[in-house]
């Protein structure tokens, strides 16, 4: 986050602005990848106890 913070304070530094844009794009990509995993985890929390109970464990 340091690059993003420095870029916000130095708007005229084109090199720093490019690095910050890449950092933001990376964070966006990571967040989009986590969303489906989070949905799967929530589904497992709901379904697994029912499966375990059904199997008698």
Protein backbone atom coordinates (compact mmCIF):
# COMPACT_ATOMS: atom_id res chain seq x y z
CA UNK A 1 0.00 0.00 0.00
CA UNK A 2 2.98 2.31 0.34
CA UNK A 3 3.16 2.82 -3.42
CA UNK A 4 -0.50 3.72 -3.64
CA UNK A 5 -0.18 6.17 -0.76
CA UNK A 6 2.92 7.81 -2.24
CA UNK A 7 1.21 8.05 -5.63
CA UNK A 8 -1.78 9.80 -4.09
CA UNK A 9 0.58 12.36 -2.57
CA UNK A 10 2.68 12.83 -5.76
CA UNK A 11 0.19 13.11 -8.59
CA UNK A 12 2.80 14.50 -11.01
CA UNK A 13 5.15 11.48 -10.72
CA UNK A 14 4.14 9.44 -13.78
CA UNK A 15 6.32 6.45 -12.86
CA UNK A 16 4.79 6.28 -9.41
CA UNK A 17 1.30 6.66 -10.89
CA UNK A 18 1.93 3.66 -13.18
CA UNK A 19 3.15 1.55 -10.26
CA UNK A 20 0.12 2.53 -8.20
CA UNK A 21 -2.24 1.67 -11.06
CA UNK A 22 -0.61 -1.77 -11.39
CA UNK A 23 -0.90 -2.29 -7.63
CA UNK A 24 -4.59 -1.34 -7.67
CA UNK A 25 -5.23 -3.65 -10.64
CA UNK A 26 -3.49 -6.50 -8.83
CA UNK A 27 -5.57 -5.95 -5.71
CA UNK A 28 -8.73 -5.84 -7.82
CA UNK A 29 -7.81 -9.11 -9.53
CA UNK A 30 -7.07 -10.78 -6.19
CA UNK A 31 -10.37 -9.58 -4.72
CA UNK A 32 -12.32 -10.91 -7.69
CA UNK A 33 -10.63 -14.29 -7.26
CA UNK A 34 -11.54 -14.43 -3.59
CA UNK A 35 -15.24 -13.82 -4.12
CA UNK A 36 -16.06 -17.29 -5.55
CA UNK A 37 -13.90 -18.94 -2.89
CA UNK A 38 -15.83 -17.09 -0.20
CA UNK A 39 -19.13 -18.25 -1.65
CA UNK A 40 -17.87 -21.84 -1.68
CA UNK A 41 -16.72 -21.56 1.94
CA UNK A 42 -20.13 -20.23 3.01
CA UNK A 43 -21.91 -23.02 1.15
CA UNK A 44 -19.68 -25.61 2.82
CA UNK A 45 -20.44 -24.15 6.25
CA UNK A 46 -24.13 -24.65 5.56
CA UNK A 47 -24.04 -28.02 3.80
CA UNK A 48 -21.27 -29.96 5.55
CA UNK A 49 -22.99 -30.15 8.97
CA UNK A 50 -26.09 -31.50 7.27
CA UNK A 51 -24.06 -34.13 5.39
CA UNK A 52 -22.23 -35.14 8.57
CA UNK A 53 -25.53 -35.43 10.44
CA UNK A 54 -27.09 -37.43 7.63
CA UNK A 55 -24.15 -39.85 7.64
CA UNK A 56 -24.44 -40.24 11.42
CA UNK A 57 -21.04 -38.80 12.36
